[in-house]
């Protein structure tokens, strides 16, 4: 009851909550510039063998994105090699830029870091569906004028920011 609105990839939201998909975001891989493991391209075996920066700690558990990625890999009998687990996805690009670890993140999230840290973006060596980024709220605020205005404003920003899938 403390939150008014959640925005993110929330695949397991309670059916009693209201939701609206803002956009769908494909996953991409990131590595430091001139990463030696990416010189010849990256196949599935190499992707799995490289150490991964994983968003989620022993206190919070894995993020919904990391759980979805593991689900996709599990379906192929594949498992990533964990390098480090972090409490905030905002750390991923910085860790990747200064190590030989890689990370798998939503493309729009990665776009925010392209000019800040020396990264290279690569396509994953397996198929993943673009993940829906949704806005979720409770019925108690559904008719609220202020919250209705906020949701409309967020939809407008998301539409202006969206890229074709």
Protein backbone atom coordinates (compact mmCIF):
# COMPACT_ATOMS: atom_id res chain seq x y z
CA UNK A 1 0.00 0.00 0.00
CA UNK A 2 2.99 2.37 0.05
CA UNK A 3 3.60 2.61 -3.69
CA UNK A 4 1.38 4.47 -6.13
CA UNK A 5 2.89 3.33 -9.42
CA UNK A 6 5.50 0.83 -10.61
CA UNK A 7 7.23 0.95 -13.98
CA UNK A 8 9.29 -1.98 -15.16
CA UNK A 9 9.31 -5.56 -16.33
CA UNK A 10 6.86 -7.11 -13.87
CA UNK A 11 5.71 -10.44 -15.32
CA UNK A 12 4.16 -11.72 -12.09
CA UNK A 13 2.03 -8.74 -11.08
CA UNK A 14 -1.11 -9.68 -9.20
CA UNK A 15 -4.19 -9.96 -11.39
CA UNK A 16 -5.98 -7.50 -9.11
CA UNK A 17 -3.63 -4.69 -10.20
CA UNK A 18 -4.20 -2.45 -13.21
CA UNK A 19 -1.48 -2.36 -15.87
CA UNK A 20 -0.58 -0.82 -19.19
CA UNK A 21 2.33 -1.85 -21.43
CA UNK A 22 4.42 1.20 -22.30
CA UNK A 23 6.79 -0.46 -24.79
CA UNK A 24 8.70 -3.67 -25.47
CA UNK A 25 12.46 -3.71 -25.06
CA UNK A 26 14.84 -6.23 -26.66
CA UNK A 27 17.75 -7.60 -24.66
CA UNK A 28 21.34 -7.00 -25.75
CA UNK A 29 24.73 -7.95 -24.43
CA UNK A 30 27.34 -5.43 -23.32
CA UNK A 31 31.08 -5.77 -22.91
CA UNK A 32 33.98 -3.39 -22.52
CA UNK A 33 35.42 -1.88 -25.69
CA UNK A 34 37.91 -4.25 -27.32
CA UNK A 35 36.85 -7.19 -25.16
CA UNK A 36 39.11 -10.09 -26.23
CA UNK A 37 36.24 -12.59 -26.08
CA UNK A 38 34.25 -10.74 -28.73
CA UNK A 39 36.88 -10.29 -31.44
CA UNK A 40 35.59 -13.23 -33.50
CA UNK A 41 31.93 -12.85 -32.60
CA UNK A 42 30.16 -14.59 -29.78
CA UNK A 43 28.58 -18.02 -30.00
CA UNK A 44 26.43 -19.59 -27.29
CA UNK A 45 29.30 -21.54 -25.73
CA UNK A 46 31.44 -18.40 -25.41
CA UNK A 47 28.53 -16.35 -24.07
CA UNK A 48 27.86 -18.90 -21.34
CA UNK A 49 31.56 -19.26 -20.43
CA UNK A 50 32.22 -15.54 -19.94
CA UNK A 51 31.58 -14.27 -16.43
CA UNK A 52 28.32 -12.30 -16.13
CA UNK A 53 27.33 -9.30 -14.05
CA UNK A 54 23.97 -10.34 -12.61
CA UNK A 55 21.44 -7.93 -11.11
CA UNK A 56 20.18 -9.32 -7.82
CA UNK A 57 21.69 -9.92 -4.45
CA UNK A 58 21.32 -12.59 -1.80
CA UNK A 59 19.12 -10.08 0.07
CA UNK A 60 16.78 -9.16 -2.79
CA UNK A 61 16.91 -12.21 -5.02
CA UNK A 62 17.33 -12.02 -8.78
CA UNK A 63 15.63 -9.27 -10.74
CA UNK A 64 12.65 -10.20 -12.92
CA UNK A 65 14.86 -9.67 -15.97
CA UNK A 66 17.56 -12.05 -14.70
CA UNK A 67 14.92 -14.66 -13.81
CA UNK A 68 13.44 -14.40 -17.32
CA UNK A 69 16.89 -14.71 -18.89
CA UNK A 70 17.66 -17.81 -16.80
CA UNK A 71 14.28 -19.25 -17.81
CA UNK A 72 15.14 -18.75 -21.51
CA UNK A 73 18.57 -20.35 -21.02
CA UNK A 74 17.17 -23.22 -18.91
CA UNK A 75 14.84 -24.10 -21.79
CA UNK A 76 18.01 -24.65 -23.84
CA UNK A 77 19.78 -26.58 -21.05
CA UNK A 78 22.21 -23.67 -20.74
CA UNK A 79 23.59 -21.86 -17.69
CA UNK A 80 25.56 -18.61 -17.47
CA UNK A 81 28.76 -18.28 -15.50
CA UNK A 82 28.18 -15.75 -12.70
CA UNK A 83 30.95 -13.26 -12.14
CA UNK A 84 29.38 -10.89 -9.64
CA UNK A 85 25.89 -10.22 -8.29
CA UNK A 86 24.98 -6.59 -7.74
CA UNK A 87 22.13 -4.81 -5.92
CA UNK A 88 21.50 -2.23 -8.68
CA UNK A 89 21.44 -2.59 -12.46
CA UNK A 90 22.94 0.91 -12.65
CA UNK A 91 26.28 -0.63 -11.66
CA UNK A 92 26.36 -3.12 -14.55
CA UNK A 93 27.73 -0.86 -17.31
CA UNK A 94 30.47 0.50 -15.05
CA UNK A 95 31.61 -2.96 -13.92
CA UNK A 96 31.49 -4.30 -17.47
CA UNK A 97 33.47 -1.33 -18.82
CA UNK A 98 36.36 -2.00 -16.43
CA UNK A 99 36.48 -5.83 -16.46
CA UNK A 100 36.21 -8.79 -18.83
CA UNK A 101 32.72 -9.56 -17.54
CA UNK A 102 29.63 -9.10 -19.69
CA UNK A 103 25.99 -8.31 -18.91
CA UNK A 104 22.65 -8.79 -20.61
CA UNK A 105 20.33 -5.80 -20.32
CA UNK A 106 17.41 -4.08 -22.05
CA UNK A 107 18.54 -2.07 -25.09
CA UNK A 108 16.94 1.20 -23.97
CA UNK A 109 18.65 0.93 -20.58
CA UNK A 110 22.02 0.41 -22.29
CA UNK A 111 21.42 3.44 -24.55
CA UNK A 112 21.62 5.68 -21.48
CA UNK A 113 25.23 4.63 -20.86
CA UNK A 114 26.73 4.63 -24.37
CA UNK A 115 28.28 8.09 -23.95
CA UNK A 116 29.29 7.62 -20.30
CA UNK A 117 31.35 4.44 -20.31
CA UNK A 118 33.35 2.63 -23.01
CA UNK A 119 31.03 -0.22 -23.96
CA UNK A 120 30.37 -2.33 -26.97
CA UNK A 121 26.90 -3.70 -27.54
CA UNK A 122 26.42 -7.09 -29.12
CA UNK A 123 23.53 -9.27 -30.22
CA UNK A 124 22.86 -12.28 -28.06
CA UNK A 125 23.69 -15.68 -29.59
CA UNK A 126 20.13 -16.89 -28.90
CA UNK A 127 16.63 -15.55 -29.40
CA UNK A 128 14.82 -13.64 -26.69
CA UNK A 129 11.47 -11.94 -26.95
CA UNK A 130 11.43 -8.19 -26.33
CA UNK A 131 10.38 -7.69 -22.72
CA UNK A 132 7.26 -5.65 -21.97
CA UNK A 133 7.89 -2.59 -19.82
CA UNK A 134 4.65 -1.85 -18.03
CA UNK A 135 3.11 0.67 -15.71
CA UNK A 136 1.23 -0.96 -12.80
CA UNK A 137 -1.09 0.59 -10.23
CA UNK A 138 -3.78 -0.33 -7.72
CA UNK A 139 -7.53 0.11 -8.12
CA UNK A 140 -7.57 2.63 -5.24
CA UNK A 141 -5.74 5.17 -7.43
CA UNK A 142 -7.35 4.20 -10.73
CA UNK A 143 -9.88 7.05 -10.72
CA UNK A 144 -7.63 9.62 -9.01
CA UNK A 145 -7.34 12.74 -11.17
CA UNK A 146 -3.68 13.27 -10.31
CA UNK A 147 -2.75 9.64 -10.98
CA UNK A 148 -4.77 9.56 -14.20
CA UNK A 149 -2.84 12.64 -15.35
CA UNK A 150 0.50 11.06 -14.32
CA UNK A 151 -0.21 7.81 -16.18
CA UNK A 152 -1.19 9.77 -19.30
CA UNK A 153 2.01 11.85 -19.07
CA UNK A 154 4.12 8.71 -18.67
CA UNK A 155 2.43 7.09 -21.68
CA UNK A 156 3.27 10.21 -23.71
CA UNK A 157 6.93 10.11 -22.69
CA UNK A 158 7.13 6.37 -23.38
CA UNK A 159 5.56 6.82 -26.82
CA UNK A 160 8.01 9.61 -27.72
CA UNK A 161 10.90 7.51 -26.43
CA UNK A 162 9.86 4.25 -28.05
CA UNK A 163 11.67 2.72 -30.97
CA UNK A 164 10.14 0.24 -33.38
CA UNK A 165 10.67 -3.37 -32.20
